[in-house]
Amino acid sequence: PFDLVDADGNGIGEADGVSSNGLYVVGSDYFDAD
């Protein structure tokens, strides 16, 4: 396992989908502080 984080090192929301070939993962709740 490894936790996914944003550019500031903060955790992002849950992962909900994986491409069939496993190269890409998508999910929700990426917070933009700006």
Full PDB file with SEQRES, HELIX, SHEET, SSBOND, CRYST1, ORIGX, SCALE, CONECT and MASTER records, all heavy atoms in Angstrom:
SEQRES   1 A   34  PRO PHE ASP LEU VAL ASP ALA ASP GLY ASN GLY ILE GLY          
SEQRES   2 A   34  GLU ALA ASP GLY VAL SER SER ASN GLY LEU TYR VAL VAL          
SEQRES   3 A   34  GLY SER ASP TYR PHE ASP ALA ASP                              
SHEET    1 AA1 2 ALA A  15  VAL A  18  0                                        
SHEET    2 AA1 2 VAL A  25  GLY A  27 -1                                        
CRYST1    1.000    1.000    1.000  90.00  90.00  90.00 P 1           1          
ORIGX1      1.000000  0.000000  0.000000        0.00000                         
ORIGX2      0.000000  1.000000  0.000000        0.00000                         
ORIGX3      0.000000  0.000000  1.000000        0.00000                         
SCALE1      1.000000  0.000000  0.000000        0.00000                         
SCALE2      0.000000  1.000000  0.000000        0.00000                         
SCALE3      0.000000  0.000000  1.000000        0.00000                         
ATOM      1  N   PRO A   1       0.803  -1.226   0.000  1.00  0.00           N  
ATOM      2  CA  PRO A   1       0.000   0.000   0.000  1.00  0.00           C  
ATOM      3  C   PRO A   1       0.833   1.271   0.000  1.00  0.00           C  
ATOM      4  O   PRO A   1       1.946   1.314   0.531  1.00  0.00           O  
ATOM      5  CB  PRO A   1      -0.762  -0.113   1.323  1.00  0.00           C  
ATOM      6  CG  PRO A   1       0.216  -0.783   2.240  1.00  0.00           C  
ATOM      7  CD  PRO A   1       0.997  -1.756   1.364  1.00  0.00           C  
ATOM      8  N   PHE A   2       0.290   2.305  -0.622  1.00  0.00           N  
ATOM      9  CA  PHE A   2       0.822   3.646  -0.412  1.00  0.00           C  
ATOM     10  C   PHE A   2      -0.329   4.636  -0.492  1.00  0.00           C  
ATOM     11  O   PHE A   2      -1.262   4.481  -1.280  1.00  0.00           O  
ATOM     12  CB  PHE A   2       1.943   3.994  -1.393  1.00  0.00           C  
ATOM     13  CG  PHE A   2       1.560   3.982  -2.842  1.00  0.00           C  
ATOM     14  CD1 PHE A   2       1.149   5.143  -3.480  1.00  0.00           C  
ATOM     15  CD2 PHE A   2       1.636   2.808  -3.584  1.00  0.00           C  
ATOM     16  CE1 PHE A   2       0.811   5.139  -4.818  1.00  0.00           C  
ATOM     17  CE2 PHE A   2       1.295   2.797  -4.933  1.00  0.00           C  
ATOM     18  CZ  PHE A   2       0.879   3.966  -5.549  1.00  0.00           C  
ATOM     19  N   ASP A   3      -0.272   5.634   0.382  1.00  0.00           N  
ATOM     20  CA  ASP A   3      -1.308   6.664   0.441  1.00  0.00           C  
ATOM     21  C   ASP A   3      -1.066   7.702  -0.647  1.00  0.00           C  
ATOM     22  O   ASP A   3       0.074   8.147  -0.852  1.00  0.00           O  
ATOM     23  CB  ASP A   3      -1.295   7.356   1.801  1.00  0.00           C  
ATOM     24  CG  ASP A   3      -1.659   6.412   2.940  1.00  0.00           C  
ATOM     25  OD1 ASP A   3      -2.344   5.409   2.669  1.00  0.00           O  
ATOM     26  OD2 ASP A   3      -1.264   6.681   4.090  1.00  0.00           O  
ATOM     27  N   LEU A   4      -2.128   8.115  -1.304  1.00  0.00           N  
ATOM     28  CA  LEU A   4      -2.017   9.165  -2.313  1.00  0.00           C  
ATOM     29  C   LEU A   4      -2.164  10.523  -1.639  1.00  0.00           C  
ATOM     30  O   LEU A   4      -3.012  10.722  -0.768  1.00  0.00           O  
ATOM     31  CB  LEU A   4      -3.098   9.005  -3.378  1.00  0.00           C  
ATOM     32  CG  LEU A   4      -3.059   7.727  -4.221  1.00  0.00           C  
ATOM     33  CD1 LEU A   4      -4.048   7.836  -5.380  1.00  0.00           C  
ATOM     34  CD2 LEU A   4      -1.663   7.446  -4.750  1.00  0.00           C  
ATOM     35  N   VAL A   5      -1.332  11.469  -2.061  1.00  0.00           N  
ATOM     36  CA  VAL A   5      -1.344  12.812  -1.476  1.00  0.00           C  
ATOM     37  C   VAL A   5      -1.309  13.854  -2.579  1.00  0.00           C  
ATOM     38  O   VAL A   5      -0.925  13.571  -3.725  1.00  0.00           O  
ATOM     39  CB  VAL A   5      -0.149  13.022  -0.520  1.00  0.00           C  
ATOM     40  CG1 VAL A   5      -0.223  12.068   0.665  1.00  0.00           C  
ATOM     41  CG2 VAL A   5       1.176  12.850  -1.263  1.00  0.00           C  
ATOM     42  N   ASP A   6      -1.706  15.088  -2.221  1.00  0.00           N  
ATOM     43  CA  ASP A   6      -1.662  16.186  -3.182  1.00  0.00           C  
ATOM     44  C   ASP A   6      -0.274  16.816  -3.210  1.00  0.00           C  
ATOM     45  O   ASP A   6       0.669  16.313  -2.578  1.00  0.00           O  
ATOM     46  CB  ASP A   6      -2.751  17.220  -2.868  1.00  0.00           C  
ATOM     47  CG  ASP A   6      -2.578  17.868  -1.494  1.00  0.00           C  
ATOM     48  OD1 ASP A   6      -1.465  17.798  -0.918  1.00  0.00           O  
ATOM     49  OD2 ASP A   6      -3.562  18.441  -0.989  1.00  0.00           O  
ATOM     50  N   ALA A   7      -0.166  17.934  -3.924  1.00  0.00           N  
ATOM     51  CA  ALA A   7       1.141  18.572  -4.088  1.00  0.00           C  
ATOM     52  C   ALA A   7       1.720  19.070  -2.775  1.00  0.00           C  
ATOM     53  O   ALA A   7       2.944  19.251  -2.649  1.00  0.00           O  
ATOM     54  CB  ALA A   7       1.019  19.737  -5.069  1.00  0.00           C  
ATOM     55  N   ASP A   8       0.859  19.276  -1.771  1.00  0.00           N  
ATOM     56  CA  ASP A   8       1.326  19.745  -0.463  1.00  0.00           C  
ATOM     57  C   ASP A   8       1.524  18.607   0.532  1.00  0.00           C  
ATOM     58  O   ASP A   8       1.798  18.847   1.708  1.00  0.00           O  
ATOM     59  CB  ASP A   8       0.328  20.754   0.111  1.00  0.00           C  
ATOM     60  CG  ASP A   8       0.221  22.007  -0.737  1.00  0.00           C  
ATOM     61  OD1 ASP A   8       1.264  22.469  -1.233  1.00  0.00           O  
ATOM     62  OD2 ASP A   8      -0.908  22.502  -0.918  1.00  0.00           O  
ATOM     63  N   GLY A   9       1.377  17.372   0.062  1.00  0.00           N  
ATOM     64  CA  GLY A   9       1.573  16.229   0.934  1.00  0.00           C  
ATOM     65  C   GLY A   9       0.366  15.848   1.758  1.00  0.00           C  
ATOM     66  O   GLY A   9       0.468  15.007   2.657  1.00  0.00           O  
ATOM     67  N   ASN A  10      -0.793  16.446   1.456  1.00  0.00           N  
ATOM     68  CA  ASN A  10      -2.014  16.125   2.188  1.00  0.00           C  
ATOM     69  C   ASN A  10      -2.765  14.978   1.517  1.00  0.00           C  
ATOM     70  O   ASN A  10      -2.804  14.883   0.292  1.00  0.00           O  
ATOM     71  CB  ASN A  10      -2.930  17.350   2.244  1.00  0.00           C  
ATOM     72  CG  ASN A  10      -2.282  18.514   2.950  1.00  0.00           C  
ATOM     73  OD1 ASN A  10      -1.717  18.358   4.032  1.00  0.00           O  
ATOM     74  ND2 ASN A  10      -2.339  19.691   2.350  1.00  0.00           N  
ATOM     75  N   GLY A  11      -3.358  14.121   2.334  1.00  0.00           N  
ATOM     76  CA  GLY A  11      -4.130  13.016   1.792  1.00  0.00           C  
ATOM     77  C   GLY A  11      -5.315  13.509   0.976  1.00  0.00           C  
ATOM     78  O   GLY A  11      -5.907  14.549   1.262  1.00  0.00           O  
ATOM     79  N   ILE A  12      -5.660  12.783  -0.078  1.00  0.00           N  
ATOM     80  CA  ILE A  12      -6.818  13.108  -0.901  1.00  0.00           C  
ATOM     81  C   ILE A  12      -7.904  12.066  -0.656  1.00  0.00           C  
ATOM     82  O   ILE A  12      -7.664  11.027  -0.045  1.00  0.00           O  
ATOM     83  CB  ILE A  12      -6.448  13.160  -2.397  1.00  0.00           C  
ATOM     84  CG1 ILE A  12      -5.822  11.829  -2.849  1.00  0.00           C  
ATOM     85  CG2 ILE A  12      -5.477  14.309  -2.656  1.00  0.00           C  
ATOM     86  CD1 ILE A  12      -5.503  11.777  -4.323  1.00  0.00           C  
ATOM     87  N   GLY A  13      -9.107  12.337  -1.134  1.00  0.00           N  
ATOM     88  CA  GLY A  13     -10.247  11.463  -0.860  1.00  0.00           C  
ATOM     89  C   GLY A  13     -10.154  10.108  -1.526  1.00  0.00           C  
ATOM     90  O   GLY A  13      -9.247   9.835  -2.315  1.00  0.00           O  
ATOM     91  N   GLU A  14     -11.100   9.264  -1.211  1.00  0.00           N  
ATOM     92  CA  GLU A  14     -11.035   7.845  -1.583  1.00  0.00           C  
ATOM     93  C   GLU A  14     -10.893   7.608  -3.075  1.00  0.00           C  
ATOM     94  O   GLU A  14     -11.368   8.381  -3.902  1.00  0.00           O  
ATOM     95  CB  GLU A  14     -12.264   7.106  -1.070  1.00  0.00           C  
ATOM     96  CG  GLU A  14     -13.559   7.409  -1.779  1.00  0.00           C  
ATOM     97  CD  GLU A  14     -14.685   6.515  -1.292  1.00  0.00           C  
ATOM     98  OE1 GLU A  14     -14.727   5.342  -1.707  1.00  0.00           O  
ATOM     99  OE2 GLU A  14     -15.511   6.992  -0.488  1.00  0.00           O  
ATOM    100  N   ALA A  15     -10.225   6.500  -3.420  1.00  0.00           N  
ATOM    101  CA  ALA A  15     -10.081   6.046  -4.795  1.00  0.00           C  
ATOM    102  C   ALA A  15     -11.264   5.141  -5.132  1.00  0.00           C  
ATOM    103  O   ALA A  15     -11.568   4.207  -4.397  1.00  0.00           O  
ATOM    104  CB  ALA A  15      -8.771   5.289  -4.966  1.00  0.00           C  
ATOM    105  N   ASP A  16     -11.915   5.429  -6.268  1.00  0.00           N  
ATOM    106  CA  ASP A  16     -13.122   4.690  -6.644  1.00  0.00           C  
ATOM    107  C   ASP A  16     -13.004   3.897  -7.932  1.00  0.00           C  
ATOM    108  O   ASP A  16     -13.855   3.048  -8.205  1.00  0.00           O  
ATOM    109  CB  ASP A  16     -14.305   5.660  -6.771  1.00  0.00           C  
ATOM    110  CG  ASP A  16     -14.757   6.202  -5.437  1.00  0.00           C  
ATOM    111  OD1 ASP A  16     -15.039   5.400  -4.542  1.00  0.00           O  
ATOM    112  OD2 ASP A  16     -14.818   7.433  -5.286  1.00  0.00           O  
ATOM    113  N   GLY A  17     -11.999   4.165  -8.746  1.00  0.00           N  
ATOM    114  CA  GLY A  17     -11.896   3.466 -10.023  1.00  0.00           C  
ATOM    115  C   GLY A  17     -10.458   3.224 -10.427  1.00  0.00           C  
ATOM    116  O   GLY A  17      -9.561   4.011 -10.101  1.00  0.00           O  
ATOM    117  N   VAL A  18     -10.232   2.116 -11.138  1.00  0.00           N  
ATOM    118  CA  VAL A  18      -8.928   1.754 -11.678  1.00  0.00           C  
ATOM    119  C   VAL A  18      -9.112   1.441 -13.154  1.00  0.00           C  
ATOM    120  O   VAL A  18     -10.071   0.752 -13.529  1.00  0.00           O  
ATOM    121  CB  VAL A  18      -8.347   0.518 -10.968  1.00  0.00           C  
ATOM    122  CG1 VAL A  18      -7.010   0.129 -11.575  1.00  0.00           C  
ATOM    123  CG2 VAL A  18      -8.189   0.752  -9.489  1.00  0.00           C  
ATOM    124  N   SER A  19      -8.222   1.928 -13.999  1.00  0.00           N  
ATOM    125  CA  SER A  19      -8.288   1.533 -15.402  1.00  0.00           C  
ATOM    126  C   SER A  19      -8.058   0.037 -15.506  1.00  0.00           C  
ATOM    127  O   SER A  19      -7.390  -0.577 -14.667  1.00  0.00           O  
ATOM    128  CB  SER A  19      -7.256   2.297 -16.229  1.00  0.00           C  
ATOM    129  OG  SER A  19      -5.941   2.047 -15.768  1.00  0.00           O  
ATOM    130  N   SER A  20      -8.597  -0.562 -16.538  1.00  0.00           N  
ATOM    131  CA  SER A  20      -8.500  -2.010 -16.695  1.00  0.00           C  
ATOM    132  C   SER A  20      -7.055  -2.485 -16.699  1.00  0.00           C  
ATOM    133  O   SER A  20      -6.737  -3.554 -16.171  1.00  0.00           O  
ATOM    134  CB  SER A  20      -9.206  -2.429 -17.999  1.00  0.00           C  
ATOM    135  OG  SER A  20      -9.245  -3.824 -18.139  1.00  0.00           O  
ATOM    136  N   ASN A  21      -6.156  -1.679 -17.267  1.00  0.00           N  
ATOM    137  CA  ASN A  21      -4.747  -2.063 -17.325  1.00  0.00           C  
ATOM    138  C   ASN A  21      -3.964  -1.682 -16.078  1.00  0.00           C  
ATOM    139  O   ASN A  21      -2.756  -1.932 -15.986  1.00  0.00           O  
ATOM    140  CB  ASN A  21      -4.080  -1.457 -18.557  1.00  0.00           C  
ATOM    141  CG  ASN A  21      -4.136   0.067 -18.579  1.00  0.00           C  
ATOM    142  OD1 ASN A  21      -4.501   0.705 -17.587  1.00  0.00           O  
ATOM    143  ND2 ASN A  21      -3.799   0.655 -19.714  1.00  0.00           N  
ATOM    144  N   GLY A  22      -4.607  -1.030 -15.107  1.00  0.00           N  
ATOM    145  CA  GLY A  22      -3.969  -0.695 -13.847  1.00  0.00           C  
ATOM    146  C   GLY A  22      -3.066   0.518 -13.862  1.00  0.00           C  
ATOM    147  O   GLY A  22      -2.428   0.819 -12.850  1.00  0.00           O  
ATOM    148  N   LEU A  23      -3.023   1.255 -14.965  1.00  0.00           N  
ATOM    149  CA  LEU A  23      -2.106   2.393 -15.058  1.00  0.00           C  
ATOM    150  C   LEU A  23      -2.659   3.670 -14.449  1.00  0.00           C  
ATOM    151  O   LEU A  23      -1.897   4.584 -14.112  1.00  0.00           O  
ATOM    152  CB  LEU A  23      -1.744   2.652 -16.529  1.00  0.00           C  
ATOM    153  CG  LEU A  23      -0.963   1.547 -17.234  1.00  0.00           C  
ATOM    154  CD1 LEU A  23      -0.647   1.955 -18.660  1.00  0.00           C  
ATOM    155  CD2 LEU A  23       0.313   1.207 -16.472  1.00  0.00           C  
ATOM    156  N   TYR A  24      -3.981   3.740 -14.288  1.00  0.00           N  
ATOM    157  CA  TYR A  24      -4.599   4.965 -13.788  1.00  0.00           C  
ATOM    158  C   TYR A  24      -5.606   4.647 -12.688  1.00  0.00           C  
ATOM    159  O   TYR A  24      -6.293   3.629 -12.730  1.00  0.00           O  
ATOM    160  CB  TYR A  24      -5.297   5.734 -14.913  1.00  0.00           C  
ATOM    161  CG  TYR A  24      -4.350   6.171 -16.006  1.00  0.00           C  
ATOM    162  CD1 TYR A  24      -4.120   5.358 -17.113  1.00  0.00           C  
ATOM    163  CD2 TYR A  24      -3.663   7.371 -15.908  1.00  0.00           C  
ATOM    164  CE1 TYR A  24      -3.224   5.741 -18.109  1.00  0.00           C  
ATOM    165  CE2 TYR A  24      -2.774   7.768 -16.899  1.00  0.00           C  
ATOM    166  CZ  TYR A  24      -2.555   6.951 -17.991  1.00  0.00           C  
ATOM    167  OH  TYR A  24      -1.670   7.336 -18.961  1.00  0.00           O  
ATOM    168  N   VAL A  25      -5.679   5.559 -11.717  1.00  0.00           N  
ATOM    169  CA  VAL A  25      -6.641   5.465 -10.620  1.00  0.00           C  
ATOM    170  C   VAL A  25      -7.340   6.811 -10.511  1.00  0.00           C  
ATOM    171  O   VAL A  25      -6.711   7.863 -10.690  1.00  0.00           O  
ATOM    172  CB  VAL A  25      -5.944   5.119  -9.289  1.00  0.00           C  
ATOM    173  CG1 VAL A  25      -6.933   5.124  -8.130  1.00  0.00           C  
ATOM    174  CG2 VAL A  25      -5.251   3.756  -9.382  1.00  0.00           C  
ATOM    175  N   VAL A  26      -8.644   6.783 -10.233  1.00  0.00           N  
ATOM    176  CA  VAL A  26      -9.402   8.029 -10.077  1.00  0.00           C  
ATOM    177  C   VAL A  26     -10.186   8.006  -8.776  1.00  0.00           C  
ATOM    178  O   VAL A  26     -10.472   6.942  -8.222  1.00  0.00           O  
ATOM    179  CB  VAL A  26     -10.362   8.271 -11.260  1.00  0.00           C  
ATOM    180  CG1 VAL A  26      -9.597   8.523 -12.545  1.00  0.00           C  
ATOM    181  CG2 VAL A  26     -11.338   7.105 -11.430  1.00  0.00           C  
ATOM    182  N   GLY A  27     -10.533   9.201  -8.301  1.00  0.00           N  
ATOM    183  CA  GLY A  27     -11.292   9.301  -7.070  1.00  0.00           C  
ATOM    184  C   GLY A  27     -11.790  10.704  -6.840  1.00  0.00           C  
ATOM    185  O   GLY A  27     -11.865  11.524  -7.768  1.00  0.00           O  
ATOM    186  N   SER A  28     -12.119  11.009  -5.593  1.00  0.00           N  
ATOM    187  CA  SER A  28     -12.774  12.272  -5.255  1.00  0.00           C  
ATOM    188  C   SER A  28     -12.013  13.027  -4.171  1.00  0.00           C  
ATOM    189  O   SER A  28     -11.092  12.502  -3.546  1.00  0.00           O  
ATOM    190  CB  SER A  28     -14.200  12.007  -4.774  1.00  0.00           C  
ATOM    191  OG  SER A  28     -14.187  11.178  -3.618  1.00  0.00           O  
ATOM    192  N   ASP A  29     -12.425  14.282  -3.967  1.00  0.00           N  
ATOM    193  CA  ASP A  29     -11.994  15.114  -2.844  1.00  0.00           C  
ATOM    194  C   ASP A  29     -10.522  15.495  -2.909  1.00  0.00           C  
ATOM    195  O   ASP A  29      -9.750  15.260  -1.970  1.00  0.00           O  
ATOM    196  CB  ASP A  29     -12.317  14.428  -1.516  1.00  0.00           C  
ATOM    197  CG  ASP A  29     -12.346  15.411  -0.344  1.00  0.00           C  
ATOM    198  OD1 ASP A  29     -12.434  16.618  -0.606  1.00  0.00           O  
ATOM    199  OD2 ASP A  29     -12.272  14.964   0.809  1.00  0.00           O  
ATOM    200  N   TYR A  30     -10.148  16.130  -4.027  1.00  0.00           N  
ATOM    201  CA  TYR A  30      -8.839  16.783  -4.113  1.00  0.00           C  
ATOM    202  C   TYR A  30      -9.078  18.247  -3.766  1.00  0.00           C  
ATOM    203  O   TYR A  30      -9.730  18.980  -4.509  1.00  0.00           O  
ATOM    204  CB  TYR A  30      -8.265  16.659  -5.523  1.00  0.00           C  
ATOM    205  CG  TYR A  30      -6.873  17.246  -5.685  1.00  0.00           C  
ATOM    206  CD1 TYR A  30      -5.768  16.409  -5.747  1.00  0.00           C  
ATOM    207  CD2 TYR A  30      -6.669  18.616  -5.785  1.00  0.00           C  
ATOM    208  CE1 TYR A  30      -4.490  16.937  -5.901  1.00  0.00           C  
ATOM    209  CE2 TYR A  30      -5.399  19.153  -5.929  1.00  0.00           C  
ATOM    210  CZ  TYR A  30      -4.320  18.300  -5.991  1.00  0.00           C  
ATOM    211  OH  TYR A  30      -3.053  18.812  -6.144  1.00  0.00           O  
ATOM    212  N   PHE A  31      -8.563  18.688  -2.630  1.00  0.00           N  
ATOM    213  CA  PHE A  31      -8.842  20.031  -2.128  1.00  0.00           C  
ATOM    214  C   PHE A  31      -7.806  21.028  -2.629  1.00  0.00           C  
ATOM    215  O   PHE A  31      -6.601  20.805  -2.490  1.00  0.00           O  
ATOM    216  CB  PHE A  31      -8.878  20.046  -0.602  1.00  0.00           C  
ATOM    217  CG  PHE A  31      -9.227  21.387  -0.021  1.00  0.00           C  
ATOM    218  CD1 PHE A  31     -10.522  21.878  -0.108  1.00  0.00           C  
ATOM    219  CD2 PHE A  31      -8.252  22.154   0.606  1.00  0.00           C  
ATOM    220  CE1 PHE A  31     -10.841  23.125   0.426  1.00  0.00           C  
ATOM    221  CE2 PHE A  31      -8.563  23.397   1.141  1.00  0.00           C  
ATOM    222  CZ  PHE A  31      -9.872  23.884   1.047  1.00  0.00           C  
ATOM    223  N   ASP A  32      -8.292  22.112  -3.241  1.00  0.00           N  
ATOM    224  CA  ASP A  32      -7.430  23.186  -3.726  1.00  0.00           C  
ATOM    225  C   ASP A  32      -7.451  24.317  -2.692  1.00  0.00           C  
ATOM    226  O   ASP A  32      -8.472  25.006  -2.537  1.00  0.00           O  
ATOM    227  CB  ASP A  32      -7.931  23.693  -5.079  1.00  0.00           C  
ATOM    228  CG  ASP A  32      -6.970  24.694  -5.716  1.00  0.00           C  
ATOM    229  OD1 ASP A  32      -6.387  25.509  -4.986  1.00  0.00           O  
ATOM    230  OD2 ASP A  32      -6.817  24.647  -6.946  1.00  0.00           O  
ATOM    231  N   ALA A  33      -6.350  24.509  -1.998  1.00  0.00           N  
ATOM    232  CA  ALA A  33      -6.292  25.511  -0.933  1.00  0.00           C  
ATOM    233  C   ALA A  33      -6.406  26.929  -1.475  1.00  0.00           C  
ATOM    234  O   ALA A  33      -6.827  27.849  -0.755  1.00  0.00           O  
ATOM    235  CB  ALA A  33      -4.993  25.363  -0.148  1.00  0.00           C  
ATOM    236  N   ASP A  34      -6.036  27.137  -2.731  1.00  0.00           N  
ATOM    237  CA  ASP A  34      -6.099  28.480  -3.308  1.00  0.00           C  
ATOM    238  C   ASP A  34      -7.529  28.894  -3.619  1.00  0.00           C  
ATOM    239  O   ASP A  34      -7.934  30.036  -3.372  1.00  0.00           O  
ATOM    240  CB  ASP A  34      -5.243  28.557  -4.574  1.00  0.00           C  
ATOM    241  CG  ASP A  34      -3.754  28.410  -4.291  1.00  0.00           C  
ATOM    242  OD1 ASP A  34      -3.326  28.809  -3.190  1.00  0.00           O  
ATOM    243  OD2 ASP A  34      -3.049  27.875  -5.157  1.00  0.00           O  
TER     244      ASP A  34                                                      
MASTER        0    0    0    0    2    0    0    6  243    1    0    3          
END                                                                             
